[in-house]
Amino acid sequence: MIKTVIFDWAGTTVDFGCMAPVHAFRNAFLEKGIQLTDKEIR
């Protein structure tokens, strides 16, 4: 019986190139005054 399935955040399985996780991480770090580029986040 399958109990758990984990997919990657960046959408390799579905919607490759999805930016939602990047925006979420950027906003979380910005709340603490840390600015990161997309490359650093990925």
C-alpha atoms as a PDB file:
ATOM      1  CA  MET A   1       0.000   0.000   0.000  1.00  0.00           C
ATOM      2  CA  ILE A   2       1.347   3.427  -0.966  1.00  0.00           C
ATOM      3  CA  LYS A   3       1.274   5.801   2.002  1.00  0.00           C
ATOM      4  CA  THR A   4       3.192   8.808   0.688  1.00  0.00           C
ATOM      5  CA  VAL A   5       4.174  10.279  -2.650  1.00  0.00           C
ATOM      6  CA  ILE A   6       6.572  13.235  -2.829  1.00  0.00           C
ATOM      7  CA  PHE A   7       7.001  15.381  -5.942  1.00  0.00           C
ATOM      8  CA  ASP A   8       9.641  18.042  -6.491  1.00  0.00           C
ATOM      9  CA  TRP A   9       8.814  21.707  -5.831  1.00  0.00           C
ATOM     10  CA  ALA A  10       9.911  23.135  -9.168  1.00  0.00           C
ATOM     11  CA  GLY A  11       7.427  21.241 -11.303  1.00  0.00           C
ATOM     12  CA  THR A  12       9.593  18.769 -13.185  1.00  0.00           C
ATOM     13  CA  THR A  13       6.737  16.263 -13.114  1.00  0.00           C
ATOM     14  CA  VAL A  14       4.087  18.802 -14.151  1.00  0.00           C
ATOM     15  CA  ASP A  15       4.458  22.413 -15.346  1.00  0.00           C
ATOM     16  CA  PHE A  16       8.228  22.601 -15.880  1.00  0.00           C
ATOM     17  CA  GLY A  17       9.468  26.143 -15.315  1.00  0.00           C
ATOM     18  CA  CYS A  18       6.938  26.934 -12.603  1.00  0.00           C
ATOM     19  CA  MET A  19       7.944  30.093 -10.748  1.00  0.00           C
ATOM     20  CA  ALA A  20       5.570  29.800  -7.771  1.00  0.00           C
ATOM     21  CA  PRO A  21       8.134  28.103  -5.482  1.00  0.00           C
ATOM     22  CA  VAL A  22      10.752  30.715  -6.400  1.00  0.00           C
ATOM     23  CA  HIS A  23       8.348  33.529  -5.515  1.00  0.00           C
ATOM     24  CA  ALA A  24       7.423  31.848  -2.233  1.00  0.00           C
ATOM     25  CA  PHE A  25      11.060  31.453  -1.180  1.00  0.00           C
ATOM     26  CA  ARG A  26      11.906  35.008  -2.314  1.00  0.00           C
ATOM     27  CA  ASN A  27       9.055  36.446  -0.235  1.00  0.00           C
ATOM     28  CA  ALA A  28      10.027  34.402   2.823  1.00  0.00           C
ATOM     29  CA  PHE A  29      13.631  35.631   2.657  1.00  0.00           C
ATOM     30  CA  LEU A  30      12.591  39.228   1.891  1.00  0.00           C
ATOM     31  CA  GLU A  31      10.556  39.266   5.109  1.00  0.00           C
ATOM     32  CA  LYS A  32      13.898  38.826   6.898  1.00  0.00           C
ATOM     33  CA  GLY A  33      15.620  41.457   4.740  1.00  0.00           C
ATOM     34  CA  ILE A  34      17.533  38.972   2.569  1.00  0.00           C
ATOM     35  CA  GLN A  35      17.490  39.556  -1.198  1.00  0.00           C
ATOM     36  CA  LEU A  36      18.276  36.580  -3.441  1.00  0.00           C
ATOM     37  CA  THR A  37      18.352  36.072  -7.205  1.00  0.00           C
ATOM     38  CA  ASP A  38      16.315  33.370  -8.928  1.00  0.00           C
ATOM     39  CA  LYS A  39      19.546  31.445  -9.527  1.00  0.00           C
ATOM     40  CA  GLU A  40      20.429  31.522  -5.818  1.00  0.00           C
ATOM     41  CA  ILE A  41      16.955  30.342  -4.850  1.00  0.00           C
ATOM     42  CA  ARG A  42      16.904  27.489  -7.356  1.00  0.00           C
END
